[in-house]
Amino acid sequence: MPTTTYKKIAVVEVGAAGAANIQFTSIPGTYTDLFIFTSLRTAKADFNEIVTLTLNGSPTYSWRRLRADTGTVDSSSGSNNQYYRANAASSTSSTFANTSIYIPNYTSSNNKSLSIDSAVETNTTAYDELYLVAGLATLTTAITSITLAPFGANNFVQYSKATLYGIA
């Protein structure tokens, strides 16, 4: 059985000025799969904020999401790139949402599937959220760029971080 190897491709950590998005560009086509780990928080005056994931600009997306939110469990589906959430300014200070994103066969000529596992923790009894997402992008070229961005006009705050790995 082959050994799976994770190779760090790039790390983006947001500085003191904040950032409107986090981008990975010129992603090499030398791996089998991609894995992204994020630790995100935004400046939005709320407990959480939607994070969009864009592959190579703007292909058509579809997704199915399971969500647990403060004792409520539901599922939903959509056709946009709004996949999961990050902590926001009203959540517990210095708390960042953690998310894992797995994209298999990112260089294939088939549509790109992805899976997301995300947790927004506010350290309170309100607004804690867990997400499991299965997504599909109608993108038949290799993924060469990935952009993460808050849905609103808010920025990611200092110390938000994303790491992109290639898997061989």
N, C-alpha and C. Protein backbone atom coordinates (compact mmCIF):
# COMPACT_ATOMS: atom_id res chain seq x y z
N MET A 1 0.86 -1.18 0.00
CA MET A 1 0.00 0.00 0.00
C MET A 1 0.90 1.24 0.00
N PRO A 2 0.61 2.23 -0.87
CA PRO A 2 1.45 3.42 -0.94
C PRO A 2 1.30 4.29 0.31
N THR A 3 2.33 5.04 0.58
CA THR A 3 2.32 5.96 1.71
C THR A 3 1.79 7.31 1.24
N THR A 4 0.87 7.88 1.99
CA THR A 4 0.35 9.20 1.68
C THR A 4 1.28 10.25 2.26
N THR A 5 1.66 11.22 1.44
CA THR A 5 2.58 12.25 1.88
C THR A 5 1.94 13.61 1.72
N TYR A 6 1.91 14.38 2.80
CA TYR A 6 1.43 15.75 2.77
C TYR A 6 2.63 16.66 2.61
N LYS A 7 2.59 17.56 1.62
CA LYS A 7 3.67 18.51 1.37
C LYS A 7 3.08 19.91 1.46
N LYS A 8 3.62 20.71 2.37
CA LYS A 8 3.12 22.08 2.53
C LYS A 8 3.48 22.88 1.28
N ILE A 9 2.46 23.43 0.61
CA ILE A 9 2.65 24.23 -0.59
C ILE A 9 2.77 25.71 -0.23
N ALA A 10 1.86 26.19 0.62
CA ALA A 10 1.84 27.62 0.96
C ALA A 10 1.11 27.85 2.27
N VAL A 11 1.50 28.91 2.97
CA VAL A 11 0.84 29.35 4.20
C VAL A 11 0.54 30.84 4.06
N VAL A 12 -0.68 31.23 4.40
CA VAL A 12 -1.03 32.65 4.43
C VAL A 12 -1.52 32.98 5.83
N GLU A 13 -0.86 33.93 6.48
CA GLU A 13 -1.30 34.41 7.78
C GLU A 13 -1.61 35.89 7.64
N VAL A 14 -2.78 36.29 8.10
CA VAL A 14 -3.24 37.67 7.96
C VAL A 14 -2.53 38.56 8.97
N GLY A 15 -2.07 39.70 8.48
CA GLY A 15 -1.37 40.66 9.33
C GLY A 15 -2.31 41.62 10.04
N ALA A 16 -1.72 42.61 10.71
CA ALA A 16 -2.47 43.54 11.55
C ALA A 16 -3.52 44.34 10.79
N ALA A 17 -3.33 44.59 9.51
CA ALA A 17 -4.29 45.39 8.72
C ALA A 17 -5.52 44.59 8.31
N GLY A 18 -5.51 43.27 8.52
CA GLY A 18 -6.62 42.44 8.07
C GLY A 18 -6.48 42.14 6.58
N ALA A 19 -7.38 41.31 6.04
CA ALA A 19 -7.32 40.96 4.63
C ALA A 19 -8.72 40.66 4.11
N ALA A 20 -9.03 41.17 2.91
CA ALA A 20 -10.33 40.93 2.29
C ALA A 20 -10.49 39.48 1.87
N ASN A 21 -9.36 38.78 1.63
CA ASN A 21 -9.42 37.38 1.25
C ASN A 21 -8.07 36.72 1.49
N ILE A 22 -8.05 35.43 1.35
CA ILE A 22 -6.81 34.64 1.39
C ILE A 22 -6.76 33.91 0.06
N GLN A 23 -5.64 34.06 -0.65
CA GLN A 23 -5.52 33.45 -1.97
C GLN A 23 -4.31 32.53 -2.05
N PHE A 24 -4.53 31.43 -2.75
CA PHE A 24 -3.44 30.55 -3.16
C PHE A 24 -3.45 30.58 -4.69
N THR A 25 -2.35 30.98 -5.30
CA THR A 25 -2.29 31.06 -6.75
C THR A 25 -1.12 30.20 -7.25
N SER A 26 -1.12 29.93 -8.53
CA SER A 26 -0.06 29.13 -9.17
C SER A 26 0.13 27.79 -8.46
N ILE A 27 -0.99 27.13 -8.13
CA ILE A 27 -0.92 25.82 -7.47
C ILE A 27 -0.34 24.81 -8.45
N PRO A 28 0.75 24.14 -8.09
CA PRO A 28 1.37 23.19 -9.01
C PRO A 28 0.48 21.95 -9.22
N GLY A 29 0.59 21.34 -10.37
CA GLY A 29 -0.21 20.16 -10.69
C GLY A 29 0.52 18.86 -10.40
N THR A 30 1.39 18.87 -9.41
CA THR A 30 2.27 17.72 -9.15
C THR A 30 1.78 16.78 -8.05
N TYR A 31 0.59 17.01 -7.54
CA TYR A 31 0.05 16.17 -6.47
C TYR A 31 -1.21 15.46 -6.94
N THR A 32 -1.70 14.57 -6.13
CA THR A 32 -2.94 13.87 -6.43
C THR A 32 -4.14 14.65 -5.91
N ASP A 33 -4.05 15.12 -4.66
CA ASP A 33 -5.15 15.79 -3.97
C ASP A 33 -4.63 17.06 -3.30
N LEU A 34 -5.58 17.92 -2.89
CA LEU A 34 -5.25 19.11 -2.11
C LEU A 34 -5.95 19.05 -0.77
N PHE A 35 -5.32 19.62 0.25
CA PHE A 35 -5.89 19.71 1.59
C PHE A 35 -5.59 21.11 2.11
N ILE A 36 -6.62 21.76 2.64
CA ILE A 36 -6.46 23.10 3.21
C ILE A 36 -6.91 23.05 4.66
N PHE A 37 -6.10 23.60 5.55
CA PHE A 37 -6.51 23.75 6.95
C PHE A 37 -6.57 25.23 7.24
N THR A 38 -7.70 25.70 7.78
CA THR A 38 -7.84 27.12 8.09
C THR A 38 -8.18 27.35 9.55
N SER A 39 -7.78 28.50 10.03
CA SER A 39 -8.14 29.01 11.34
C SER A 39 -8.54 30.47 11.10
N LEU A 40 -9.87 30.73 11.07
CA LEU A 40 -10.36 32.02 10.58
C LEU A 40 -11.28 32.75 11.55
N ARG A 41 -11.18 34.08 11.47
CA ARG A 41 -12.05 34.97 12.23
C ARG A 41 -12.21 36.23 11.38
N THR A 42 -13.42 36.83 11.40
CA THR A 42 -13.65 38.05 10.62
C THR A 42 -14.01 39.22 11.54
N ALA A 43 -14.06 40.39 10.95
CA ALA A 43 -14.39 41.62 11.68
C ALA A 43 -15.89 41.89 11.73
N LYS A 44 -16.71 41.00 11.18
CA LYS A 44 -18.16 41.21 11.17
C LYS A 44 -18.71 41.32 12.59
N ALA A 45 -19.63 42.25 12.82
CA ALA A 45 -20.24 42.45 14.13
C ALA A 45 -21.34 41.40 14.33
N ASP A 46 -20.94 40.17 14.51
CA ASP A 46 -21.85 39.04 14.69
C ASP A 46 -21.04 37.91 15.32
N PHE A 47 -21.69 36.77 15.57
CA PHE A 47 -20.98 35.63 16.14
C PHE A 47 -20.24 34.81 15.08
N ASN A 48 -20.76 34.83 13.84
CA ASN A 48 -20.09 34.08 12.78
C ASN A 48 -20.36 34.74 11.44
N GLU A 49 -19.61 34.31 10.43
CA GLU A 49 -19.79 34.84 9.08
C GLU A 49 -19.53 33.74 8.07
N ILE A 50 -20.29 33.77 6.98
CA ILE A 50 -20.11 32.82 5.88
C ILE A 50 -18.74 33.04 5.24
N VAL A 51 -18.09 31.94 4.91
CA VAL A 51 -16.83 31.99 4.16
C VAL A 51 -17.09 31.36 2.79
N THR A 52 -16.68 32.05 1.74
CA THR A 52 -16.81 31.50 0.39
C THR A 52 -15.48 30.87 -0.03
N LEU A 53 -15.59 29.81 -0.78
CA LEU A 53 -14.44 29.09 -1.32
C LEU A 53 -14.59 29.14 -2.84
N THR A 54 -13.65 29.77 -3.52
CA THR A 54 -13.71 29.90 -4.97
C THR A 54 -12.52 29.20 -5.60
N LEU A 55 -12.80 28.33 -6.57
CA LEU A 55 -11.76 27.58 -7.28
C LEU A 55 -11.63 28.15 -8.69
N ASN A 56 -10.44 28.57 -9.07
CA ASN A 56 -10.17 29.10 -10.43
C ASN A 56 -11.18 30.16 -10.86
N GLY A 57 -11.52 31.05 -9.99
CA GLY A 57 -12.46 32.11 -10.37
C GLY A 57 -13.87 31.79 -9.95
N SER A 58 -14.74 31.41 -10.89
CA SER A 58 -16.14 31.23 -10.51
C SER A 58 -16.85 30.15 -11.33
N PRO A 59 -16.53 28.90 -11.15
CA PRO A 59 -17.33 27.86 -11.80
C PRO A 59 -18.70 27.75 -11.11
N THR A 60 -19.56 26.90 -11.64
CA THR A 60 -20.85 26.64 -11.01
C THR A 60 -20.64 25.64 -9.88
N TYR A 61 -21.30 25.88 -8.77
CA TYR A 61 -21.15 25.03 -7.59
C TYR A 61 -22.47 24.40 -7.19
N SER A 62 -22.40 23.27 -6.53
CA SER A 62 -23.55 22.70 -5.82
C SER A 62 -23.01 22.05 -4.56
N TRP A 63 -23.80 22.05 -3.50
CA TRP A 63 -23.35 21.47 -2.25
C TRP A 63 -24.52 20.96 -1.43
N ARG A 64 -24.18 20.08 -0.51
CA ARG A 64 -25.13 19.55 0.49
C ARG A 64 -24.45 19.67 1.82
N ARG A 65 -25.13 20.25 2.79
CA ARG A 65 -24.51 20.56 4.08
C ARG A 65 -25.33 20.00 5.23
N LEU A 66 -24.65 19.40 6.19
CA LEU A 66 -25.23 19.04 7.48
C LEU A 66 -24.69 20.02 8.50
N ARG A 67 -25.56 20.55 9.35
CA ARG A 67 -25.16 21.57 10.30
C ARG A 67 -25.76 21.29 11.66
N ALA A 68 -24.96 21.43 12.68
CA ALA A 68 -25.44 21.37 14.06
C ALA A 68 -25.18 22.74 14.66
N ASP A 69 -26.24 23.34 15.20
CA ASP A 69 -26.14 24.71 15.71
C ASP A 69 -26.88 24.79 17.04
N THR A 70 -26.15 24.84 18.12
CA THR A 70 -26.72 25.03 19.45
C THR A 70 -27.93 24.12 19.69
N GLY A 71 -27.76 22.85 19.46
CA GLY A 71 -28.81 21.88 19.74
C GLY A 71 -29.74 21.61 18.58
N THR A 72 -29.63 22.34 17.49
CA THR A 72 -30.45 22.12 16.31
C THR A 72 -29.60 21.46 15.24
N VAL A 73 -30.16 20.44 14.60
CA VAL A 73 -29.46 19.78 13.50
C VAL A 73 -30.32 19.93 12.26
N ASP A 74 -29.71 20.35 11.15
CA ASP A 74 -30.47 20.46 9.92
C ASP A 74 -29.56 20.18 8.73
N SER A 75 -30.18 20.11 7.58
CA SER A 75 -29.42 19.95 6.35
C SER A 75 -29.97 20.93 5.33
N SER A 76 -29.10 21.29 4.40
CA SER A 76 -29.52 22.20 3.35
C SER A 76 -28.65 21.94 2.13
N SER A 77 -29.06 22.53 1.02
CA SER A 77 -28.27 22.42 -0.19
C SER A 77 -28.33 23.76 -0.91
N GLY A 78 -27.38 23.96 -1.80
CA GLY A 78 -27.34 25.22 -2.52
C GLY A 78 -26.54 25.09 -3.80
N SER A 79 -26.47 26.21 -4.52
CA SER A 79 -25.77 26.22 -5.78
C SER A 79 -24.87 27.44 -5.90
N ASN A 80 -24.19 27.76 -4.82
CA ASN A 80 -23.23 28.87 -4.83
C ASN A 80 -21.97 28.43 -4.09
N ASN A 81 -21.03 29.32 -3.92
CA ASN A 81 -19.78 28.95 -3.26
C ASN A 81 -19.74 29.34 -1.78
N GLN A 82 -20.90 29.44 -1.13
CA GLN A 82 -20.97 29.76 0.29
C GLN A 82 -21.03 28.46 1.08
N TYR A 83 -19.91 28.00 1.54
CA TYR A 83 -19.84 26.66 2.09
C TYR A 83 -19.88 26.55 3.62
N TYR A 84 -19.21 27.41 4.32
CA TYR A 84 -19.09 27.23 5.77
C TYR A 84 -18.93 28.58 6.45
N ARG A 85 -18.63 28.60 7.74
CA ARG A 85 -18.56 29.86 8.48
C ARG A 85 -17.26 29.98 9.28
N ALA A 86 -16.96 31.23 9.63
CA ALA A 86 -15.81 31.54 10.49
C ALA A 86 -16.32 32.27 11.72
N ASN A 87 -15.54 32.29 12.77
CA ASN A 87 -15.88 33.12 13.92
C ASN A 87 -15.88 34.58 13.49
N ALA A 88 -16.67 35.40 14.18
CA ALA A 88 -16.73 36.83 13.89
C ALA A 88 -16.53 37.62 15.19
N ALA A 89 -16.57 38.94 15.08
CA ALA A 89 -16.16 39.83 16.16
C ALA A 89 -16.95 39.68 17.46
N SER A 90 -18.21 39.24 17.40
CA SER A 90 -19.02 39.11 18.61
C SER A 90 -18.80 37.79 19.34
N SER A 91 -18.06 36.88 18.74
CA SER A 91 -17.78 35.62 19.42
C SER A 91 -16.65 35.84 20.43
N THR A 92 -16.41 34.86 21.26
CA THR A 92 -15.40 34.97 22.30
C THR A 92 -14.07 35.47 21.74
N SER A 93 -13.48 36.42 22.41
CA SER A 93 -12.23 37.03 21.96
C SER A 93 -11.16 35.98 21.67
N SER A 94 -10.42 36.19 20.60
CA SER A 94 -9.29 35.34 20.21
C SER A 94 -9.68 33.91 19.87
N THR A 95 -10.94 33.68 19.52
CA THR A 95 -11.39 32.35 19.13
C THR A 95 -11.54 32.32 17.61
N PHE A 96 -10.94 31.31 16.98
CA PHE A 96 -10.94 31.19 15.54
C PHE A 96 -11.59 29.87 15.14
N ALA A 97 -12.40 29.90 14.08
CA ALA A 97 -13.04 28.68 13.57
C ALA A 97 -12.00 27.83 12.85
N ASN A 98 -12.05 26.53 13.06
CA ASN A 98 -11.12 25.61 12.40
C ASN A 98 -11.85 24.81 11.34
N THR A 99 -11.22 24.71 10.17
CA THR A 99 -11.84 24.04 9.04
C THR A 99 -10.81 23.22 8.27
N SER A 100 -11.23 22.03 7.83
CA SER A 100 -10.42 21.19 6.95
C SER A 100 -11.18 21.05 5.63
N ILE A 101 -10.47 21.25 4.53
CA ILE A 101 -11.06 21.15 3.19
C ILE A 101 -10.23 20.15 2.39
N TYR A 102 -10.88 19.14 1.85
CA TYR A 102 -10.19 18.11 1.07
C TYR A 102 -10.72 18.12 -0.36
N ILE A 103 -9.81 18.22 -1.33
CA ILE A 103 -10.18 18.25 -2.74
C ILE A 103 -9.42 17.13 -3.45
N PRO A 104 -10.07 16.00 -3.74
CA PRO A 104 -9.38 14.92 -4.44
C PRO A 104 -9.29 15.18 -5.94
N ASN A 105 -8.30 14.57 -6.57
CA ASN A 105 -8.16 14.60 -8.04
C ASN A 105 -8.28 16.00 -8.63
N TYR A 106 -7.57 16.95 -8.04
CA TYR A 106 -7.72 18.34 -8.44
C TYR A 106 -7.17 18.66 -9.83
N THR A 107 -6.40 17.76 -10.43
CA THR A 107 -5.88 18.01 -11.78
C THR A 107 -6.67 17.28 -12.87
N SER A 108 -7.66 16.51 -12.49
CA SER A 108 -8.40 15.70 -13.47
C SER A 108 -9.26 16.58 -14.38
N SER A 109 -9.74 15.98 -15.46
CA SER A 109 -10.62 16.69 -16.38
C SER A 109 -12.09 16.49 -16.01
N ASN A 110 -12.33 15.93 -14.84
CA ASN A 110 -13.70 15.76 -14.33
C ASN A 110 -14.07 16.92 -13.42
N ASN A 111 -15.38 17.09 -13.12
CA ASN A 111 -15.80 18.07 -12.14
C ASN A 111 -15.09 17.81 -10.82
N LYS A 112 -14.90 18.85 -10.03
CA LYS A 112 -14.12 18.73 -8.80
C LYS A 112 -15.03 18.58 -7.57
N SER A 113 -14.88 17.46 -6.86
CA SER A 113 -15.61 17.27 -5.62
C SER A 113 -14.76 17.80 -4.47
N LEU A 114 -15.41 18.09 -3.36
CA LEU A 114 -14.69 18.53 -2.17
C LEU A 114 -15.49 18.18 -0.94
N SER A 115 -14.79 18.05 0.17
CA SER A 115 -15.47 17.83 1.45
C SER A 115 -14.89 18.80 2.47
N ILE A 116 -15.77 19.27 3.35
CA ILE A 116 -15.39 20.27 4.35
C ILE A 116 -15.89 19.82 5.71
N ASP A 117 -15.04 19.97 6.71
CA ASP A 117 -15.36 19.70 8.11
C ASP A 117 -14.99 20.97 8.87
N SER A 118 -15.98 21.63 9.49
CA SER A 118 -15.75 22.94 10.07
C SER A 118 -16.41 23.08 11.43
N ALA A 119 -15.77 23.85 12.32
CA ALA A 119 -16.33 24.11 13.64
C ALA A 119 -16.15 25.58 14.01
N VAL A 120 -17.27 26.22 14.36
CA VAL A 120 -17.26 27.59 14.88
C VAL A 120 -17.52 27.47 16.37
N GLU A 121 -16.58 27.88 17.17
CA GLU A 121 -16.68 27.76 18.63
C GLU A 121 -16.71 29.15 19.25
N THR A 122 -17.77 29.45 19.99
CA THR A 122 -17.88 30.75 20.64
C THR A 122 -17.66 30.68 22.14
N ASN A 123 -17.49 29.48 22.67
CA ASN A 123 -17.33 29.28 24.11
C ASN A 123 -18.51 29.82 24.91
N THR A 124 -19.69 29.80 24.28
CA THR A 124 -20.93 30.21 24.95
C THR A 124 -21.97 29.13 24.65
N THR A 125 -23.16 29.33 25.14
CA THR A 125 -24.23 28.37 24.85
C THR A 125 -24.97 28.72 23.56
N ALA A 126 -24.57 29.80 22.91
CA ALA A 126 -25.23 30.21 21.66
C ALA A 126 -24.23 30.25 20.52
N TYR A 127 -24.69 29.91 19.35
CA TYR A 127 -23.98 30.10 18.09
C TYR A 127 -22.78 29.18 17.85
N ASP A 128 -22.62 28.11 18.62
CA ASP A 128 -21.60 27.13 18.26
C ASP A 128 -22.15 26.35 17.08
N GLU A 129 -21.34 26.14 16.05
CA GLU A 129 -21.81 25.46 14.85
C GLU A 129 -20.78 24.46 14.36
N LEU A 130 -21.30 23.34 13.87
CA LEU A 130 -20.48 22.32 13.23
C LEU A 130 -21.03 22.11 11.83
N TYR A 131 -20.15 21.99 10.84
CA TYR A 131 -20.56 21.79 9.45
C TYR A 131 -19.85 20.60 8.84
N LEU A 132 -20.58 19.81 8.10
CA LEU A 132 -20.04 18.80 7.21
C LEU A 132 -20.63 19.11 5.84
N VAL A 133 -19.77 19.31 4.86
CA VAL A 133 -20.23 19.74 3.54
C VAL A 133 -19.65 18.84 2.46
N ALA A 134 -20.48 18.45 1.52
CA ALA A 134 -20.03 17.79 0.30
C ALA A 134 -20.34 18.75 -0.84
N GLY A 135 -19.34 19.07 -1.64
CA GLY A 135 -19.54 20.03 -2.71
C GLY A 135 -19.04 19.52 -4.04
N LEU A 136 -19.50 20.17 -5.09
CA LEU A 136 -19.08 19.84 -6.44
C LEU A 136 -18.97 21.14 -7.24
N ALA A 137 -17.82 21.32 -7.89
CA ALA A 137 -17.62 22.47 -8.78
C ALA A 137 -17.56 21.96 -10.21
N THR A 138 -18.33 22.58 -11.10
CA THR A 138 -18.30 22.18 -12.50
C THR A 138 -17.08 22.82 -13.14
N LEU A 139 -15.96 22.20 -12.89
CA LEU A 139 -14.66 22.71 -13.31
C LEU A 139 -13.88 21.54 -13.88
N THR A 140 -13.63 21.55 -15.17
CA THR A 140 -12.98 20.39 -15.81
C THR A 140 -11.51 20.64 -16.14
N THR A 141 -10.95 21.72 -15.59
CA THR A 141 -9.52 21.97 -15.72
C THR A 141 -8.88 21.83 -14.34
N ALA A 142 -7.58 21.71 -14.31
CA ALA A 142 -6.86 21.58 -13.04
C ALA A 142 -7.07 22.83 -12.18
N ILE A 143 -7.17 22.63 -10.88
CA ILE A 143 -7.30 23.77 -9.97
C ILE A 143 -5.92 24.42 -9.83
N THR A 144 -5.85 25.70 -10.18
CA THR A 144 -4.60 26.44 -10.08
C THR A 144 -4.68 27.61 -9.10
N SER A 145 -5.90 27.95 -8.67
CA SER A 145 -6.05 29.02 -7.69
C SER A 145 -7.24 28.75 -6.78
N ILE A 146 -7.10 29.16 -5.54
CA ILE A 146 -8.15 29.00 -4.54
C ILE A 146 -8.23 30.31 -3.76
N THR A 147 -9.46 30.82 -3.59
CA THR A 147 -9.67 32.04 -2.82
C THR A 147 -10.69 31.77 -1.71
N LEU A 148 -10.35 32.16 -0.51
CA LEU A 148 -11.25 32.13 0.65
C LEU A 148 -11.59 33.57 0.98
N ALA A 149 -12.87 33.88 1.19
CA ALA A 149 -13.25 35.26 1.48
C ALA A 149 -14.49 35.31 2.36
N PRO A 150 -14.56 36.28 3.28
CA PRO A 150 -15.81 36.49 4.00
C PRO A 150 -16.89 36.91 3.01
N PHE A 151 -18.11 36.46 3.25
CA PHE A 151 -19.21 36.74 2.33
C PHE A 151 -19.56 38.22 2.29
N GLY A 152 -19.53 38.88 3.43
CA GLY A 152 -19.86 40.31 3.49
C GLY A 152 -18.64 41.16 3.17
N ALA A 153 -18.75 42.43 3.45
CA ALA A 153 -17.66 43.37 3.17
C ALA A 153 -16.67 43.45 4.33
N ASN A 154 -16.59 42.39 5.11
CA ASN A 154 -15.71 42.38 6.26
C ASN A 154 -14.38 41.71 5.90
N ASN A 155 -13.37 41.96 6.69
CA ASN A 155 -12.06 41.36 6.48
C ASN A 155 -11.81 40.20 7.42
N PHE A 156 -10.92 39.31 7.02
CA PHE A 156 -10.34 38.37 7.98
C PHE A 156 -9.46 39.21 8.89
N VAL A 157 -9.42 38.87 10.17
CA VAL A 157 -8.64 39.64 11.13
C VAL A 157 -7.24 39.05 11.30
N GLN A 158 -6.40 39.82 11.97
CA GLN A 158 -5.02 39.39 12.23
C GLN A 158 -5.00 38.00 12.88
N TYR A 159 -4.04 37.22 12.48
CA TYR A 159 -3.79 35.84 12.94
C TYR A 159 -4.69 34.80 12.28
N SER A 160 -5.64 35.23 11.44
CA SER A 160 -6.34 34.24 10.62
C SER A 160 -5.28 33.59 9.74
N LYS A 161 -5.45 32.29 9.49
CA LYS A 161 -4.39 31.57 8.81
C LYS A 161 -4.97 30.44 7.96
N ALA A 162 -4.34 30.20 6.81
CA ALA A 162 -4.72 29.08 5.95
C ALA A 162 -3.44 28.42 5.43
N THR A 163 -3.43 27.11 5.45
CA THR A 163 -2.28 26.35 4.95
C THR A 163 -2.77 25.39 3.89
N LEU A 164 -2.10 25.41 2.73
CA LEU A 164 -2.43 24.55 1.61
C LEU A 164 -1.39 23.43 1.52
N TYR A 165 -1.88 22.19 1.45
CA TYR A 165 -1.01 21.02 1.32
C TYR A 165 -1.33 20.29 0.02
N GLY A 166 -0.30 19.74 -0.60
CA GLY A 166 -0.47 18.82 -1.69
C GLY A 166 -0.33 17.41 -1.13
N ILE A 167 -1.13 16.48 -1.61
CA ILE A 167 -1.06 15.10 -1.13
C ILE A 167 -0.62 14.22 -2.30
N ALA A 168 0.43 13.45 -2.05
CA ALA A 168 0.96 12.55 -3.09
C ALA A 168 0.61 11.12 -2.71
